[in-house]
Amino acid sequence: MRELVRASNPVLISAVEALLKSAGIACVVLDQNMSVLEGSVGALPRRIVVDDEDEAPARRLLNDAGLGDELRPPA
């Protein structure tokens, strides 16, 4: 699994997840339920990860959508 985005902004996380899913790229949002533990303050970022083989197309998709600044550096 490769991390693409790490953010505390729920709108950004939702938008990235929707873009990836609409392109047929499976993704997982990690740390989504941590808000229960932190009291919904939004201090803990959520992470979007994809399978290793989907990393390149996912990065292209997010760059094309204008979200390239949100991408984590490649591992």
PDB file of N, CA and C in Angstrom:
ATOM      1  N   MET A   1       0.847  -1.175   0.000  1.00  0.00           N
ATOM      2  CA  MET A   1       0.000   0.000   0.000  1.00  0.00           C
ATOM      3  C   MET A   1       0.892   1.238   0.000  1.00  0.00           C
ATOM      4  N   ARG A   2       0.450   2.248  -0.753  1.00  0.00           N
ATOM      5  CA  ARG A   2       1.198   3.499  -0.864  1.00  0.00           C
ATOM      6  C   ARG A   2       0.319   4.658  -0.410  1.00  0.00           C
ATOM      7  N   GLU A   3       0.868   5.497   0.431  1.00  0.00           N
ATOM      8  CA  GLU A   3       0.131   6.669   0.914  1.00  0.00           C
ATOM      9  C   GLU A   3       0.176   7.762  -0.148  1.00  0.00           C
ATOM     10  N   LEU A   4      -0.998   8.267  -0.497  1.00  0.00           N
ATOM     11  CA  LEU A   4      -1.088   9.347  -1.479  1.00  0.00           C
ATOM     12  C   LEU A   4      -1.304  10.698  -0.815  1.00  0.00           C
ATOM     13  N   VAL A   5      -2.251  10.740   0.105  1.00  0.00           N
ATOM     14  CA  VAL A   5      -2.661  12.010   0.710  1.00  0.00           C
ATOM     15  C   VAL A   5      -2.778  11.826   2.213  1.00  0.00           C
ATOM     16  N   ARG A   6      -2.368  12.858   2.943  1.00  0.00           N
ATOM     17  CA  ARG A   6      -2.554  12.904   4.397  1.00  0.00           C
ATOM     18  C   ARG A   6      -3.092  14.291   4.706  1.00  0.00           C
ATOM     19  N   ALA A   7      -4.292  14.349   5.276  1.00  0.00           N
ATOM     20  CA  ALA A   7      -4.920  15.649   5.525  1.00  0.00           C
ATOM     21  C   ALA A   7      -5.944  15.557   6.644  1.00  0.00           C
ATOM     22  N   SER A   8      -6.172  16.679   7.280  1.00  0.00           N
ATOM     23  CA  SER A   8      -7.207  16.786   8.313  1.00  0.00           C
ATOM     24  C   SER A   8      -8.509  17.339   7.742  1.00  0.00           C
ATOM     25  N   ASN A   9      -8.472  17.785   6.503  1.00  0.00           N
ATOM     26  CA  ASN A   9      -9.625  18.388   5.856  1.00  0.00           C
ATOM     27  C   ASN A   9     -10.564  17.291   5.342  1.00  0.00           C
ATOM     28  N   PRO A  10     -11.735  17.122   5.964  1.00  0.00           N
ATOM     29  CA  PRO A  10     -12.635  16.036   5.539  1.00  0.00           C
ATOM     30  C   PRO A  10     -13.181  16.232   4.125  1.00  0.00           C
ATOM     31  N   VAL A  11     -13.299  17.468   3.684  1.00  0.00           N
ATOM     32  CA  VAL A  11     -13.784  17.727   2.324  1.00  0.00           C
ATOM     33  C   VAL A  11     -12.750  17.256   1.302  1.00  0.00           C
ATOM     34  N   LEU A  12     -11.490  17.549   1.562  1.00  0.00           N
ATOM     35  CA  LEU A  12     -10.416  17.107   0.671  1.00  0.00           C
ATOM     36  C   LEU A  12     -10.353  15.580   0.632  1.00  0.00           C
ATOM     37  N   ILE A  13     -10.421  14.949   1.779  1.00  0.00           N
ATOM     38  CA  ILE A  13     -10.378  13.483   1.836  1.00  0.00           C
ATOM     39  C   ILE A  13     -11.530  12.888   1.041  1.00  0.00           C
ATOM     40  N   SER A  14     -12.711  13.443   1.213  1.00  0.00           N
ATOM     41  CA  SER A  14     -13.890  12.956   0.494  1.00  0.00           C
ATOM     42  C   SER A  14     -13.737  13.146  -1.014  1.00  0.00           C
ATOM     43  N   ALA A  15     -13.221  14.299  -1.429  1.00  0.00           N
ATOM     44  CA  ALA A  15     -13.046  14.587  -2.853  1.00  0.00           C
ATOM     45  C   ALA A  15     -12.032  13.638  -3.481  1.00  0.00           C
ATOM     46  N   VAL A  16     -10.914  13.408  -2.806  1.00  0.00           N
ATOM     47  CA  VAL A  16      -9.892  12.507  -3.329  1.00  0.00           C
ATOM     48  C   VAL A  16     -10.439  11.086  -3.415  1.00  0.00           C
ATOM     49  N   GLU A  17     -11.136  10.660  -2.379  1.00  0.00           N
ATOM     50  CA  GLU A  17     -11.724   9.323  -2.381  1.00  0.00           C
ATOM     51  C   GLU A  17     -12.718   9.162  -3.534  1.00  0.00           C
ATOM     52  N   ALA A  18     -13.543  10.161  -3.768  1.00  0.00           N
ATOM     53  CA  ALA A  18     -14.528  10.098  -4.849  1.00  0.00           C
ATOM     54  C   ALA A  18     -13.851  10.066  -6.219  1.00  0.00           C
ATOM     55  N   LEU A  19     -12.807  10.875  -6.403  1.00  0.00           N
ATOM     56  CA  LEU A  19     -12.077  10.876  -7.677  1.00  0.00           C
ATOM     57  C   LEU A  19     -11.468   9.511  -7.961  1.00  0.00           C
ATOM     58  N   LEU A  20     -10.818   8.954  -6.961  1.00  0.00           N
ATOM     59  CA  LEU A  20     -10.176   7.655  -7.151  1.00  0.00           C
ATOM     60  C   LEU A  20     -11.205   6.567  -7.451  1.00  0.00           C
ATOM     61  N   LYS A  21     -12.271   6.548  -6.697  1.00  0.00           N
ATOM     62  CA  LYS A  21     -13.295   5.518  -6.909  1.00  0.00           C
ATOM     63  C   LYS A  21     -13.968   5.663  -8.267  1.00  0.00           C
ATOM     64  N   SER A  22     -14.195   6.912  -8.707  1.00  0.00           N
ATOM     65  CA  SER A  22     -14.839   7.117 -10.011  1.00  0.00           C
ATOM     66  C   SER A  22     -13.931   6.678 -11.157  1.00  0.00           C
ATOM     67  N   ALA A  23     -12.616   6.650 -10.907  1.00  0.00           N
ATOM     68  CA  ALA A  23     -11.665   6.199 -11.918  1.00  0.00           C
ATOM     69  C   ALA A  23     -11.395   4.702 -11.806  1.00  0.00           C
ATOM     70  N   GLY A  24     -12.062   4.030 -10.875  1.00  0.00           N
ATOM     71  CA  GLY A  24     -11.879   2.598 -10.710  1.00  0.00           C
ATOM     72  C   GLY A  24     -10.626   2.228  -9.933  1.00  0.00           C
ATOM     73  N   ILE A  25     -10.101   3.179  -9.179  1.00  0.00           N
ATOM     74  CA  ILE A  25      -8.904   2.925  -8.368  1.00  0.00           C
ATOM     75  C   ILE A  25      -9.350   2.714  -6.928  1.00  0.00           C
ATOM     76  N   ALA A  26      -9.118   1.519  -6.421  1.00  0.00           N
ATOM     77  CA  ALA A  26      -9.509   1.199  -5.049  1.00  0.00           C
ATOM     78  C   ALA A  26      -8.601   1.942  -4.078  1.00  0.00           C
ATOM     79  N   CYS A  27      -9.209   2.492  -3.046  1.00  0.00           N
ATOM     80  CA  CYS A  27      -8.434   3.204  -2.032  1.00  0.00           C
ATOM     81  C   CYS A  27      -9.014   2.903  -0.659  1.00  0.00           C
ATOM     82  N   VAL A  28      -8.203   3.177   0.352  1.00  0.00           N
ATOM     83  CA  VAL A  28      -8.618   2.989   1.732  1.00  0.00           C
ATOM     84  C   VAL A  28      -8.282   4.267   2.488  1.00  0.00           C
ATOM     85  N   VAL A  29      -9.231   4.737   3.286  1.00  0.00           N
ATOM     86  CA  VAL A  29      -8.975   5.891   4.145  1.00  0.00           C
ATOM     87  C   VAL A  29      -8.625   5.351   5.528  1.00  0.00           C
ATOM     88  N   LEU A  30      -7.389   5.598   5.930  1.00  0.00           N
ATOM     89  CA  LEU A  30      -6.916   5.135   7.233  1.00  0.00           C
ATOM     90  C   LEU A  30      -7.082   6.232   8.272  1.00  0.00           C
ATOM     91  N   ASP A  31      -7.211   5.854   9.511  1.00  0.00           N
ATOM     92  CA  ASP A  31      -7.346   6.765  10.650  1.00  0.00           C
ATOM     93  C   ASP A  31      -8.667   7.533  10.633  1.00  0.00           C
ATOM     94  N   GLN A  32      -9.621   7.068   9.871  1.00  0.00           N
ATOM     95  CA  GLN A  32     -10.911   7.743   9.758  1.00  0.00           C
ATOM     96  C   GLN A  32     -11.672   7.725  11.074  1.00  0.00           C
ATOM     97  N   ASN A  33     -11.535   6.662  11.824  1.00  0.00           N
ATOM     98  CA  ASN A  33     -12.273   6.548  13.078  1.00  0.00           C
ATOM     99  C   ASN A  33     -11.510   7.095  14.279  1.00  0.00           C
ATOM    100  N   MET A  34     -10.354   7.655  14.041  1.00  0.00           N
ATOM    101  CA  MET A  34      -9.578   8.237  15.136  1.00  0.00           C
ATOM    102  C   MET A  34     -10.267   9.473  15.706  1.00  0.00           C
ATOM    103  N   SER A  35     -11.180  10.088  14.938  1.00  0.00           N
ATOM    104  CA  SER A  35     -11.881  11.274  15.431  1.00  0.00           C
ATOM    105  C   SER A  35     -12.695  10.960  16.679  1.00  0.00           C
ATOM    106  N   VAL A  36     -13.103   9.709  16.820  1.00  0.00           N
ATOM    107  CA  VAL A  36     -13.838   9.305  18.019  1.00  0.00           C
ATOM    108  C   VAL A  36     -12.938   9.444  19.243  1.00  0.00           C
ATOM    109  N   LEU A  37     -11.689   9.048  19.086  1.00  0.00           N
ATOM    110  CA  LEU A  37     -10.750   9.113  20.200  1.00  0.00           C
ATOM    111  C   LEU A  37     -10.279  10.534  20.494  1.00  0.00           C
ATOM    112  N   GLU A  38     -10.163  11.354  19.445  1.00  0.00           N
ATOM    113  CA  GLU A  38      -9.652  12.704  19.638  1.00  0.00           C
ATOM    114  C   GLU A  38     -10.759  13.707  19.949  1.00  0.00           C
ATOM    115  N   GLY A  39     -12.002  13.298  19.917  1.00  0.00           N
ATOM    116  CA  GLY A  39     -13.108  14.206  20.217  1.00  0.00           C
ATOM    117  C   GLY A  39     -13.563  15.035  19.035  1.00  0.00           C
ATOM    118  N   SER A  40     -13.298  14.571  17.820  1.00  0.00           N
ATOM    119  CA  SER A  40     -13.711  15.242  16.583  1.00  0.00           C
ATOM    120  C   SER A  40     -13.121  16.639  16.427  1.00  0.00           C
ATOM    121  N   VAL A  41     -11.933  16.857  16.957  1.00  0.00           N
ATOM    122  CA  VAL A  41     -11.252  18.138  16.813  1.00  0.00           C
ATOM    123  C   VAL A  41     -10.633  18.265  15.428  1.00  0.00           C
ATOM    124  N   GLY A  42     -10.310  17.158  14.805  1.00  0.00           N
ATOM    125  CA  GLY A  42      -9.700  17.182  13.477  1.00  0.00           C
ATOM    126  C   GLY A  42      -8.189  17.320  13.519  1.00  0.00           C
ATOM    127  N   ALA A  43      -7.588  17.089  14.667  1.00  0.00           N
ATOM    128  CA  ALA A  43      -6.140  17.241  14.800  1.00  0.00           C
ATOM    129  C   ALA A  43      -5.370  16.078  14.174  1.00  0.00           C
ATOM    130  N   LEU A  44      -5.967  14.910  14.150  1.00  0.00           N
ATOM    131  CA  LEU A  44      -5.288  13.754  13.575  1.00  0.00           C
ATOM    132  C   LEU A  44      -5.634  13.629  12.096  1.00  0.00           C
ATOM    133  N   PRO A  45      -4.631  13.679  11.236  1.00  0.00           N
ATOM    134  CA  PRO A  45      -4.917  13.586   9.800  1.00  0.00           C
ATOM    135  C   PRO A  45      -5.352  12.188   9.390  1.00  0.00           C
ATOM    136  N   ARG A  46      -6.125  12.146   8.341  1.00  0.00           N
ATOM    137  CA  ARG A  46      -6.519  10.886   7.730  1.00  0.00           C
ATOM    138  C   ARG A  46      -5.597  10.638   6.548  1.00  0.00           C
ATOM    139  N   ARG A  47      -5.386   9.366   6.214  1.00  0.00           N
ATOM    140  CA  ARG A  47      -4.483   9.010   5.131  1.00  0.00           C
ATOM    141  C   ARG A  47      -5.231   8.199   4.086  1.00  0.00           C
ATOM    142  N   ILE A  48      -4.975   8.524   2.838  1.00  0.00           N
ATOM    143  CA  ILE A  48      -5.544   7.745   1.732  1.00  0.00           C
ATOM    144  C   ILE A  48      -4.419   6.936   1.119  1.00  0.00           C
ATOM    145  N   VAL A  49      -4.628   5.626   1.052  1.00  0.00           N
ATOM    146  CA  VAL A  49      -3.631   4.726   0.475  1.00  0.00           C
ATOM    147  C   VAL A  49      -4.251   3.931  -0.666  1.00  0.00           C
ATOM    148  N   VAL A  50      -3.383   3.531  -1.602  1.00  0.00           N
ATOM    149  CA  VAL A  50      -3.793   2.704  -2.743  1.00  0.00           C
ATOM    150  C   VAL A  50      -2.807   1.553  -2.867  1.00  0.00           C
ATOM    151  N   ASP A  51      -3.181   0.534  -3.624  1.00  0.00           N
ATOM    152  CA  ASP A  51      -2.267  -0.571  -3.908  1.00  0.00           C
ATOM    153  C   ASP A  51      -1.047  -0.047  -4.662  1.00  0.00           C
ATOM    154  N   ASP A  52       0.062  -0.740  -4.498  1.00  0.00           N
ATOM    155  CA  ASP A  52       1.313  -0.325  -5.136  1.00  0.00           C
ATOM    156  C   ASP A  52       1.144  -0.107  -6.638  1.00  0.00           C
ATOM    157  N   GLU A  53       0.461  -1.019  -7.310  1.00  0.00           N
ATOM    158  CA  GLU A  53       0.325  -0.916  -8.774  1.00  0.00           C
ATOM    159  C   GLU A  53      -0.613   0.212  -9.206  1.00  0.00           C
ATOM    160  N   ASP A  54      -1.399   0.739  -8.295  1.00  0.00           N
ATOM    161  CA  ASP A  54      -2.303   1.848  -8.618  1.00  0.00           C
ATOM    162  C   ASP A  54      -1.714   3.219  -8.289  1.00  0.00           C
ATOM    163  N   GLU A  55      -0.509   3.232  -7.721  1.00  0.00           N
ATOM    164  CA  GLU A  55       0.054   4.516  -7.286  1.00  0.00           C
ATOM    165  C   GLU A  55       0.257   5.487  -8.447  1.00  0.00           C
ATOM    166  N   ALA A  56       0.898   5.055  -9.519  1.00  0.00           N
ATOM    167  CA  ALA A  56       1.188   5.954 -10.641  1.00  0.00           C
ATOM    168  C   ALA A  56      -0.086   6.518 -11.278  1.00  0.00           C
ATOM    169  N   PRO A  57      -1.079   5.677 -11.623  1.00  0.00           N
ATOM    170  CA  PRO A  57      -2.289   6.249 -12.202  1.00  0.00           C
ATOM    171  C   PRO A  57      -3.049   7.151 -11.224  1.00  0.00           C
ATOM    172  N   ALA A  58      -3.008   6.820  -9.943  1.00  0.00           N
ATOM    173  CA  ALA A  58      -3.685   7.651  -8.946  1.00  0.00           C
ATOM    174  C   ALA A  58      -3.017   9.017  -8.846  1.00  0.00           C
ATOM    175  N   ARG A  59      -1.694   9.033  -8.860  1.00  0.00           N
ATOM    176  CA  ARG A  59      -0.971  10.308  -8.814  1.00  0.00           C
ATOM    177  C   ARG A  59      -1.271  11.157 -10.049  1.00  0.00           C
ATOM    178  N   ARG A  60      -1.301  10.520 -11.214  1.00  0.00           N
ATOM    179  CA  ARG A  60      -1.640  11.254 -12.448  1.00  0.00           C
ATOM    180  C   ARG A  60      -3.036  11.850 -12.352  1.00  0.00           C
ATOM    181  N   LEU A  61      -3.980  11.051 -11.876  1.00  0.00           N
ATOM    182  CA  LEU A  61      -5.363  11.504 -11.745  1.00  0.00           C
ATOM    183  C   LEU A  61      -5.461  12.722 -10.830  1.00  0.00           C
ATOM    184  N   LEU A  62      -4.814  12.656  -9.675  1.00  0.00           N
ATOM    185  CA  LEU A  62      -4.889  13.764  -8.725  1.00  0.00           C
ATOM    186  C   LEU A  62      -4.155  14.996  -9.239  1.00  0.00           C
ATOM    187  N   ASN A  63      -3.043  14.788  -9.944  1.00  0.00           N
ATOM    188  CA  ASN A  63      -2.358  15.924 -10.574  1.00  0.00           C
ATOM    189  C   ASN A  63      -3.250  16.581 -11.606  1.00  0.00           C
ATOM    190  N   ASP A  64      -3.880  15.776 -12.454  1.00  0.00           N
ATOM    191  CA  ASP A  64      -4.771  16.302 -13.497  1.00  0.00           C
ATOM    192  C   ASP A  64      -5.968  17.032 -12.903  1.00  0.00           C
ATOM    193  N   ALA A  65      -6.381  16.627 -11.715  1.00  0.00           N
ATOM    194  CA  ALA A  65      -7.529  17.261 -11.052  1.00  0.00           C
ATOM    195  C   ALA A  65      -7.124  18.517 -10.276  1.00  0.00           C
ATOM    196  N   GLY A  66      -5.841  18.876 -10.334  1.00  0.00           N
ATOM    197  CA  GLY A  66      -5.383  20.067  -9.626  1.00  0.00           C
ATOM    198  C   GLY A  66      -5.068  19.846  -8.166  1.00  0.00           C
ATOM    199  N   LEU A  67      -4.923  18.599  -7.757  1.00  0.00           N
ATOM    200  CA  LEU A  67      -4.657  18.273  -6.371  1.00  0.00           C
ATOM    201  C   LEU A  67      -3.224  17.780  -6.139  1.00  0.00           C
ATOM    202  N   GLY A  68      -2.358  18.068  -7.078  1.00  0.00           N
ATOM    203  CA  GLY A  68      -0.977  17.613  -6.978  1.00  0.00           C
ATOM    204  C   GLY A  68      -0.244  18.119  -5.755  1.00  0.00           C
ATOM    205  N   ASP A  69      -0.606  19.310  -5.277  1.00  0.00           N
ATOM    206  CA  ASP A  69       0.035  19.860  -4.082  1.00  0.00           C
ATOM    207  C   ASP A  69      -0.293  19.083  -2.822  1.00  0.00           C
ATOM    208  N   GLU A  70      -1.359  18.298  -2.865  1.00  0.00           N
ATOM    209  CA  GLU A  70      -1.786  17.522  -1.699  1.00  0.00           C
ATOM    210  C   GLU A  70      -1.102  16.163  -1.614  1.00  0.00           C
ATOM    211  N   LEU A  71      -0.412  15.759  -2.694  1.00  0.00           N
ATOM    212  CA  LEU A  71       0.211  14.430  -2.728  1.00  0.00           C
ATOM    213  C   LEU A  71       1.420  14.359  -1.823  1.00  0.00           C
ATOM    214  N   ARG A  72       1.541  13.230  -1.128  1.00  0.00           N
ATOM    215  CA  ARG A  72       2.729  12.943  -0.336  1.00  0.00           C
ATOM    216  C   ARG A  72       3.872  12.593  -1.279  1.00  0.00           C
ATOM    217  N   PRO A  73       5.103  12.830  -0.873  1.00  0.00           N
ATOM    218  CA  PRO A  73       6.223  12.414  -1.725  1.00  0.00           C
ATOM    219  C   PRO A  73       6.207  10.906  -1.948  1.00  0.00           C
ATOM    220  N   PRO A  74       6.578  10.458  -3.144  1.00  0.00           N
ATOM    221  CA  PRO A  74       6.594   9.006  -3.388  1.00  0.00           C
ATOM    222  C   PRO A  74       7.601   8.312  -2.480  1.00  0.00           C
ATOM    223  N   ALA A  75       7.266   7.102  -2.089  1.00  0.00           N
ATOM    224  CA  ALA A  75       8.148   6.335  -1.192  1.00  0.00           C
ATOM    225  C   ALA A  75       9.300   5.729  -1.946  1.00  0.00           C
TER     226      ALA A  75
END
